[in-house]
Amino acid sequence: MAKLIRVWDGSTWQSVGVAAAQGPTGATGPTGPTGPTGATGPTGPAAVTNQSISSNITLVAGTRYFVDTTAARTLTLPASPSVGDEIQIFDASGTAATNNITISRNSSKINGLTEDGIIDVNQSASSFVYTGATVGWRFD
């Protein structure tokens, strides 16, 4: 149920808006995180997909990748990202120092630079968030 927001102006209560209601059935709702009764109501948080990979691929926003690093891999960032897009990459084999994961920037910047990224730390977990054309993909 929505809640009416009011503010006391010193002499009377003023209505200033309505707070969005949370979904009545909890964190995931009857049809998952993006369902009609999810955590924040009709537009709930975006679902995250998990994917194990053992080849060179083009990445998709909203996905958590578990990368087999028994060989070097090249992962290409999406061509047309939107602000807020997020991708997570995990060294699933724990051998990224030997078999690097190259992050191909696909025309977008990475941390404000026009260079590809390299993940070369064993057992690393990295998050990429697209912040716009100036900085591009923020990588840590």
N, C-alpha and C. Protein backbone atom coordinates (compact mmCIF):
# COMPACT_ATOMS: atom_id res chain seq x y z
N MET A 1 0.85 -1.17 0.00
CA MET A 1 0.00 0.00 0.00
C MET A 1 0.90 1.24 0.00
N ALA A 2 0.56 2.25 -0.80
CA ALA A 2 1.31 3.50 -0.86
C ALA A 2 1.07 4.31 0.41
N LYS A 3 2.06 5.11 0.78
CA LYS A 3 1.97 5.94 1.97
C LYS A 3 2.00 7.41 1.56
N LEU A 4 1.10 8.19 2.15
CA LEU A 4 1.04 9.62 1.90
C LEU A 4 2.14 10.30 2.72
N ILE A 5 2.92 11.17 2.10
CA ILE A 5 3.98 11.90 2.78
C ILE A 5 3.49 13.31 3.08
N ARG A 6 3.61 13.71 4.36
CA ARG A 6 3.18 15.05 4.77
C ARG A 6 4.30 15.73 5.54
N VAL A 7 4.33 17.05 5.47
CA VAL A 7 5.32 17.86 6.17
C VAL A 7 4.58 18.94 6.98
N TRP A 8 4.99 19.15 8.23
CA TRP A 8 4.42 20.19 9.09
C TRP A 8 5.09 21.51 8.73
N ASP A 9 4.32 22.52 8.32
CA ASP A 9 4.90 23.80 7.91
C ASP A 9 4.87 24.84 9.03
N GLY A 10 4.55 24.41 10.23
CA GLY A 10 4.51 25.32 11.38
C GLY A 10 3.10 25.64 11.80
N SER A 11 2.14 25.47 10.88
CA SER A 11 0.77 25.73 11.26
C SER A 11 -0.19 24.64 10.79
N THR A 12 0.21 23.91 9.75
CA THR A 12 -0.67 22.86 9.24
C THR A 12 0.17 21.79 8.54
N TRP A 13 -0.40 20.60 8.36
CA TRP A 13 0.26 19.53 7.62
C TRP A 13 0.05 19.74 6.13
N GLN A 14 1.15 19.68 5.34
CA GLN A 14 1.08 19.82 3.89
C GLN A 14 1.40 18.47 3.24
N SER A 15 0.56 18.04 2.31
CA SER A 15 0.83 16.81 1.56
C SER A 15 1.88 17.13 0.51
N VAL A 16 2.98 16.34 0.48
CA VAL A 16 4.05 16.60 -0.48
C VAL A 16 4.27 15.45 -1.45
N GLY A 17 3.62 14.33 -1.27
CA GLY A 17 3.79 13.24 -2.23
C GLY A 17 3.33 11.92 -1.68
N VAL A 18 3.56 10.91 -2.48
CA VAL A 18 3.18 9.55 -2.13
C VAL A 18 4.40 8.67 -2.29
N ALA A 19 4.73 7.88 -1.26
CA ALA A 19 5.86 6.95 -1.32
C ALA A 19 5.41 5.70 -2.05
N ALA A 20 6.28 5.14 -2.88
CA ALA A 20 5.96 3.91 -3.59
C ALA A 20 5.87 2.75 -2.62
N ALA A 21 4.96 1.90 -2.87
CA ALA A 21 4.77 0.75 -1.99
C ALA A 21 5.73 -0.36 -2.37
N GLN A 22 6.13 -1.16 -1.39
CA GLN A 22 6.93 -2.34 -1.67
C GLN A 22 6.00 -3.48 -1.99
N GLY A 23 6.52 -4.45 -2.73
CA GLY A 23 5.71 -5.60 -3.10
C GLY A 23 5.24 -6.37 -1.87
N PRO A 24 3.99 -6.87 -1.90
CA PRO A 24 3.42 -7.50 -0.73
C PRO A 24 4.00 -8.87 -0.41
N THR A 25 4.72 -9.50 -1.35
CA THR A 25 5.18 -10.85 -1.07
C THR A 25 6.68 -10.96 -0.90
N GLY A 26 7.37 -9.89 -0.57
CA GLY A 26 8.77 -9.98 -0.18
C GLY A 26 9.77 -9.77 -1.30
N ALA A 27 10.99 -10.22 -1.04
CA ALA A 27 12.15 -9.88 -1.86
C ALA A 27 12.05 -10.34 -3.30
N THR A 28 11.47 -11.49 -3.58
CA THR A 28 11.47 -11.95 -4.96
C THR A 28 10.11 -11.98 -5.61
N GLY A 29 9.03 -11.90 -4.84
CA GLY A 29 7.70 -11.88 -5.41
C GLY A 29 7.36 -13.20 -6.11
N PRO A 30 6.15 -13.35 -6.60
CA PRO A 30 5.74 -14.63 -7.17
C PRO A 30 6.40 -14.98 -8.49
N THR A 31 6.91 -14.00 -9.22
CA THR A 31 7.52 -14.30 -10.51
C THR A 31 8.96 -13.81 -10.59
N GLY A 32 9.66 -13.75 -9.48
CA GLY A 32 11.07 -13.40 -9.49
C GLY A 32 11.33 -11.93 -9.24
N PRO A 33 12.60 -11.56 -9.24
CA PRO A 33 13.01 -10.21 -8.87
C PRO A 33 12.38 -9.11 -9.70
N THR A 34 12.05 -9.37 -10.95
CA THR A 34 11.47 -8.32 -11.77
C THR A 34 9.97 -8.47 -11.91
N GLY A 35 9.38 -9.39 -11.15
CA GLY A 35 7.94 -9.64 -11.23
C GLY A 35 7.11 -8.50 -10.65
N PRO A 36 5.80 -8.57 -10.82
CA PRO A 36 4.91 -7.48 -10.43
C PRO A 36 4.86 -7.23 -8.92
N THR A 37 5.29 -8.17 -8.12
CA THR A 37 5.25 -7.94 -6.68
C THR A 37 6.63 -8.13 -6.06
N GLY A 38 7.67 -7.76 -6.78
CA GLY A 38 9.04 -7.88 -6.31
C GLY A 38 9.38 -6.89 -5.21
N ALA A 39 10.67 -6.79 -4.89
CA ALA A 39 11.15 -6.02 -3.76
C ALA A 39 10.72 -4.57 -3.77
N THR A 40 10.66 -3.94 -4.94
CA THR A 40 10.28 -2.53 -4.97
C THR A 40 9.02 -2.30 -5.79
N GLY A 41 8.18 -3.28 -5.90
CA GLY A 41 6.92 -3.11 -6.61
C GLY A 41 7.04 -3.41 -8.09
N PRO A 42 6.31 -2.68 -8.94
CA PRO A 42 6.18 -3.05 -10.34
C PRO A 42 7.47 -3.13 -11.13
N THR A 43 8.50 -2.37 -10.76
CA THR A 43 9.70 -2.38 -11.58
C THR A 43 10.87 -3.06 -10.88
N GLY A 44 10.74 -3.72 -9.77
CA GLY A 44 11.76 -4.43 -9.00
C GLY A 44 13.18 -4.34 -9.54
N PRO A 45 14.15 -4.79 -8.78
CA PRO A 45 15.54 -4.74 -9.23
C PRO A 45 15.79 -5.70 -10.38
N ALA A 46 16.76 -5.37 -11.21
CA ALA A 46 17.08 -6.24 -12.33
C ALA A 46 17.64 -7.56 -11.82
N ALA A 47 17.27 -8.63 -12.49
CA ALA A 47 17.76 -9.95 -12.12
C ALA A 47 19.21 -10.09 -12.58
N VAL A 48 20.00 -10.87 -11.84
CA VAL A 48 21.38 -11.16 -12.22
C VAL A 48 21.43 -12.60 -12.69
N THR A 49 22.08 -12.82 -13.83
CA THR A 49 22.23 -14.15 -14.39
C THR A 49 23.65 -14.63 -14.14
N ASN A 50 23.81 -15.88 -13.74
CA ASN A 50 25.13 -16.48 -13.56
C ASN A 50 25.46 -17.31 -14.79
N GLN A 51 26.73 -17.21 -15.25
CA GLN A 51 27.13 -17.98 -16.42
C GLN A 51 28.58 -18.42 -16.28
N SER A 52 28.82 -19.72 -16.44
CA SER A 52 30.18 -20.26 -16.49
C SER A 52 30.63 -20.23 -17.94
N ILE A 53 31.87 -19.75 -18.17
CA ILE A 53 32.36 -19.67 -19.55
C ILE A 53 33.76 -20.24 -19.67
N SER A 54 34.02 -20.84 -20.83
CA SER A 54 35.35 -21.40 -21.11
C SER A 54 35.74 -21.10 -22.55
N SER A 55 35.32 -19.92 -23.03
CA SER A 55 35.67 -19.49 -24.38
C SER A 55 35.64 -17.97 -24.43
N ASN A 56 36.09 -17.40 -25.53
CA ASN A 56 36.03 -15.96 -25.74
C ASN A 56 34.59 -15.60 -26.12
N ILE A 57 34.02 -14.58 -25.46
CA ILE A 57 32.63 -14.22 -25.72
C ILE A 57 32.45 -12.71 -25.63
N THR A 58 31.27 -12.24 -26.07
CA THR A 58 30.84 -10.87 -25.84
C THR A 58 29.95 -10.89 -24.61
N LEU A 59 30.26 -10.02 -23.66
CA LEU A 59 29.56 -9.98 -22.38
C LEU A 59 28.20 -9.31 -22.50
N VAL A 60 27.31 -9.64 -21.56
CA VAL A 60 25.96 -9.08 -21.51
C VAL A 60 25.77 -8.46 -20.14
N ALA A 61 25.25 -7.23 -20.10
CA ALA A 61 25.01 -6.55 -18.83
C ALA A 61 24.05 -7.36 -17.97
N GLY A 62 24.24 -7.26 -16.64
CA GLY A 62 23.37 -7.97 -15.72
C GLY A 62 23.78 -9.42 -15.53
N THR A 63 25.01 -9.75 -15.92
CA THR A 63 25.46 -11.13 -15.83
C THR A 63 26.72 -11.23 -14.97
N ARG A 64 26.79 -12.29 -14.22
CA ARG A 64 27.94 -12.63 -13.38
C ARG A 64 28.63 -13.81 -14.07
N TYR A 65 29.88 -13.58 -14.52
CA TYR A 65 30.61 -14.58 -15.29
C TYR A 65 31.65 -15.28 -14.42
N PHE A 66 31.66 -16.61 -14.50
CA PHE A 66 32.65 -17.44 -13.82
C PHE A 66 33.54 -17.99 -14.92
N VAL A 67 34.77 -17.44 -15.02
CA VAL A 67 35.63 -17.69 -16.17
C VAL A 67 36.62 -18.82 -15.88
N ASP A 68 36.62 -19.81 -16.76
CA ASP A 68 37.59 -20.90 -16.72
C ASP A 68 38.90 -20.35 -17.26
N THR A 69 39.88 -20.19 -16.39
CA THR A 69 41.17 -19.62 -16.81
C THR A 69 42.24 -20.69 -16.98
N THR A 70 41.85 -21.90 -17.40
CA THR A 70 42.85 -22.91 -17.73
C THR A 70 43.52 -22.56 -19.06
N ALA A 71 42.98 -21.53 -19.73
CA ALA A 71 43.57 -20.93 -20.93
C ALA A 71 43.25 -19.43 -20.88
N ALA A 72 44.04 -18.62 -21.58
CA ALA A 72 43.78 -17.19 -21.63
C ALA A 72 42.44 -16.95 -22.31
N ARG A 73 41.71 -15.92 -21.87
CA ARG A 73 40.40 -15.60 -22.42
C ARG A 73 40.33 -14.13 -22.81
N THR A 74 39.55 -13.82 -23.84
CA THR A 74 39.24 -12.44 -24.21
C THR A 74 37.73 -12.28 -24.13
N LEU A 75 37.31 -11.35 -23.28
CA LEU A 75 35.89 -11.08 -23.08
C LEU A 75 35.63 -9.66 -23.59
N THR A 76 34.64 -9.51 -24.45
CA THR A 76 34.35 -8.23 -25.09
C THR A 76 33.16 -7.57 -24.40
N LEU A 77 33.33 -6.31 -24.00
CA LEU A 77 32.25 -5.56 -23.36
C LEU A 77 31.15 -5.26 -24.38
N PRO A 78 29.91 -5.03 -23.91
CA PRO A 78 28.80 -4.73 -24.83
C PRO A 78 29.08 -3.50 -25.69
N ALA A 79 28.58 -3.52 -26.92
CA ALA A 79 28.82 -2.42 -27.87
C ALA A 79 28.05 -1.16 -27.54
N SER A 80 26.85 -1.26 -26.99
CA SER A 80 26.02 -0.09 -26.71
C SER A 80 25.53 -0.12 -25.27
N PRO A 81 26.43 0.13 -24.31
CA PRO A 81 26.02 0.06 -22.90
C PRO A 81 25.15 1.25 -22.50
N SER A 82 24.39 1.05 -21.44
CA SER A 82 23.59 2.12 -20.84
C SER A 82 24.15 2.42 -19.46
N VAL A 83 24.03 3.67 -19.02
CA VAL A 83 24.51 4.05 -17.70
C VAL A 83 23.87 3.13 -16.65
N GLY A 84 24.70 2.58 -15.79
CA GLY A 84 24.24 1.68 -14.74
C GLY A 84 24.38 0.21 -15.09
N ASP A 85 24.68 -0.12 -16.34
CA ASP A 85 24.90 -1.52 -16.70
C ASP A 85 26.05 -2.07 -15.86
N GLU A 86 25.91 -3.29 -15.39
CA GLU A 86 26.95 -3.89 -14.55
C GLU A 86 27.25 -5.31 -15.01
N ILE A 87 28.53 -5.65 -14.95
CA ILE A 87 29.01 -6.98 -15.29
C ILE A 87 30.01 -7.38 -14.22
N GLN A 88 29.93 -8.61 -13.75
CA GLN A 88 30.88 -9.12 -12.76
C GLN A 88 31.64 -10.29 -13.37
N ILE A 89 32.95 -10.33 -13.09
CA ILE A 89 33.81 -11.38 -13.65
C ILE A 89 34.61 -12.00 -12.51
N PHE A 90 34.57 -13.33 -12.45
CA PHE A 90 35.29 -14.08 -11.43
C PHE A 90 36.25 -15.06 -12.09
N ASP A 91 37.46 -15.15 -11.56
CA ASP A 91 38.44 -16.15 -12.01
C ASP A 91 38.07 -17.47 -11.34
N ALA A 92 37.28 -18.28 -12.03
CA ALA A 92 36.75 -19.51 -11.44
C ALA A 92 37.81 -20.59 -11.26
N SER A 93 38.86 -20.58 -12.08
CA SER A 93 39.89 -21.60 -11.98
C SER A 93 41.05 -21.17 -11.09
N GLY A 94 41.14 -19.88 -10.80
CA GLY A 94 42.21 -19.37 -9.95
C GLY A 94 43.56 -19.29 -10.62
N THR A 95 43.58 -19.17 -11.95
CA THR A 95 44.86 -19.12 -12.67
C THR A 95 44.97 -17.90 -13.61
N ALA A 96 44.31 -16.81 -13.28
CA ALA A 96 44.33 -15.62 -14.14
C ALA A 96 45.72 -14.98 -14.22
N ALA A 97 46.57 -15.19 -13.23
CA ALA A 97 47.93 -14.63 -13.28
C ALA A 97 48.73 -15.28 -14.41
N THR A 98 48.48 -16.55 -14.68
CA THR A 98 49.15 -17.27 -15.75
C THR A 98 48.41 -17.12 -17.06
N ASN A 99 47.10 -17.30 -17.01
CA ASN A 99 46.24 -17.21 -18.19
C ASN A 99 45.31 -16.01 -18.02
N ASN A 100 45.80 -14.85 -18.45
CA ASN A 100 45.08 -13.58 -18.25
C ASN A 100 43.71 -13.57 -18.89
N ILE A 101 42.83 -12.75 -18.29
CA ILE A 101 41.52 -12.45 -18.87
C ILE A 101 41.64 -11.04 -19.45
N THR A 102 41.57 -10.94 -20.77
CA THR A 102 41.61 -9.63 -21.43
C THR A 102 40.18 -9.14 -21.59
N ILE A 103 39.94 -7.89 -21.19
CA ILE A 103 38.63 -7.27 -21.33
C ILE A 103 38.71 -6.29 -22.50
N SER A 104 38.15 -6.70 -23.62
CA SER A 104 38.14 -5.86 -24.82
C SER A 104 37.08 -4.77 -24.65
N ARG A 105 37.49 -3.52 -24.81
CA ARG A 105 36.63 -2.39 -24.47
C ARG A 105 35.51 -2.13 -25.47
N ASN A 106 35.61 -2.66 -26.69
CA ASN A 106 34.55 -2.54 -27.70
C ASN A 106 34.13 -1.09 -27.92
N SER A 107 35.09 -0.19 -28.07
CA SER A 107 34.92 1.24 -28.36
C SER A 107 34.60 2.11 -27.15
N SER A 108 34.19 1.54 -26.04
CA SER A 108 33.94 2.34 -24.84
C SER A 108 35.24 2.45 -24.05
N LYS A 109 35.34 3.47 -23.23
CA LYS A 109 36.50 3.61 -22.37
C LYS A 109 36.38 2.68 -21.17
N ILE A 110 37.52 2.39 -20.57
CA ILE A 110 37.58 1.66 -19.31
C ILE A 110 38.36 2.54 -18.36
N ASN A 111 37.73 2.98 -17.27
CA ASN A 111 38.35 3.91 -16.30
C ASN A 111 38.91 5.15 -16.99
N GLY A 112 38.20 5.63 -18.02
CA GLY A 112 38.59 6.85 -18.71
C GLY A 112 39.69 6.67 -19.74
N LEU A 113 40.14 5.45 -19.97
CA LEU A 113 41.23 5.18 -20.91
C LEU A 113 40.74 4.42 -22.13
N THR A 114 41.41 4.61 -23.25
CA THR A 114 41.07 3.89 -24.47
C THR A 114 41.99 2.69 -24.62
N GLU A 115 42.05 1.87 -23.58
CA GLU A 115 42.87 0.66 -23.56
C GLU A 115 42.03 -0.50 -23.04
N ASP A 116 42.34 -1.71 -23.51
CA ASP A 116 41.67 -2.88 -22.99
C ASP A 116 42.11 -3.12 -21.55
N GLY A 117 41.29 -3.81 -20.80
CA GLY A 117 41.63 -4.16 -19.42
C GLY A 117 42.22 -5.56 -19.36
N ILE A 118 43.01 -5.81 -18.33
CA ILE A 118 43.60 -7.12 -18.12
C ILE A 118 43.33 -7.53 -16.68
N ILE A 119 42.81 -8.73 -16.50
CA ILE A 119 42.67 -9.31 -15.16
C ILE A 119 43.76 -10.36 -15.05
N ASP A 120 44.73 -10.10 -14.17
CA ASP A 120 45.89 -10.99 -14.06
C ASP A 120 46.21 -11.35 -12.61
N VAL A 121 45.18 -11.45 -11.79
CA VAL A 121 45.33 -11.81 -10.38
C VAL A 121 44.54 -13.09 -10.14
N ASN A 122 45.21 -14.10 -9.61
CA ASN A 122 44.54 -15.37 -9.33
C ASN A 122 43.36 -15.17 -8.39
N GLN A 123 42.29 -15.88 -8.66
CA GLN A 123 41.08 -15.89 -7.84
C GLN A 123 40.44 -14.51 -7.69
N SER A 124 40.63 -13.66 -8.69
CA SER A 124 40.10 -12.29 -8.61
C SER A 124 38.60 -12.25 -8.87
N ALA A 125 37.99 -11.20 -8.36
CA ALA A 125 36.59 -10.88 -8.63
C ALA A 125 36.57 -9.41 -9.05
N SER A 126 36.02 -9.13 -10.20
CA SER A 126 36.03 -7.76 -10.73
C SER A 126 34.62 -7.35 -11.12
N SER A 127 34.33 -6.07 -10.91
CA SER A 127 33.03 -5.52 -11.24
C SER A 127 33.23 -4.37 -12.23
N PHE A 128 32.43 -4.36 -13.28
CA PHE A 128 32.44 -3.30 -14.27
C PHE A 128 31.07 -2.64 -14.26
N VAL A 129 31.04 -1.32 -14.09
CA VAL A 129 29.79 -0.56 -14.12
C VAL A 129 29.96 0.56 -15.13
N TYR A 130 29.01 0.67 -16.08
CA TYR A 130 29.09 1.71 -17.10
C TYR A 130 28.58 3.02 -16.52
N THR A 131 29.42 4.07 -16.61
CA THR A 131 29.09 5.37 -16.01
C THR A 131 28.82 6.47 -17.03
N GLY A 132 28.95 6.16 -18.30
CA GLY A 132 28.76 7.17 -19.34
C GLY A 132 30.01 7.29 -20.20
N ALA A 133 29.94 8.11 -21.24
CA ALA A 133 31.01 8.19 -22.24
C ALA A 133 32.32 8.73 -21.69
N THR A 134 32.31 9.61 -20.70
CA THR A 134 33.53 10.24 -20.21
C THR A 134 34.48 9.23 -19.56
N VAL A 135 33.99 8.47 -18.62
CA VAL A 135 34.81 7.47 -17.92
C VAL A 135 34.60 6.09 -18.51
N GLY A 136 33.42 5.85 -19.05
CA GLY A 136 33.12 4.54 -19.63
C GLY A 136 32.82 3.52 -18.55
N TRP A 137 33.44 2.36 -18.69
CA TRP A 137 33.27 1.28 -17.72
C TRP A 137 34.18 1.52 -16.53
N ARG A 138 33.61 1.65 -15.37
CA ARG A 138 34.39 1.79 -14.11
C ARG A 138 34.73 0.37 -13.67
N PHE A 139 36.02 0.11 -13.47
CA PHE A 139 36.52 -1.23 -13.24
C PHE A 139 37.30 -1.26 -11.95
N ASP A 140 36.96 -2.16 -11.05
CA ASP A 140 37.78 -2.36 -9.84
C ASP A 140 37.84 -3.81 -9.49
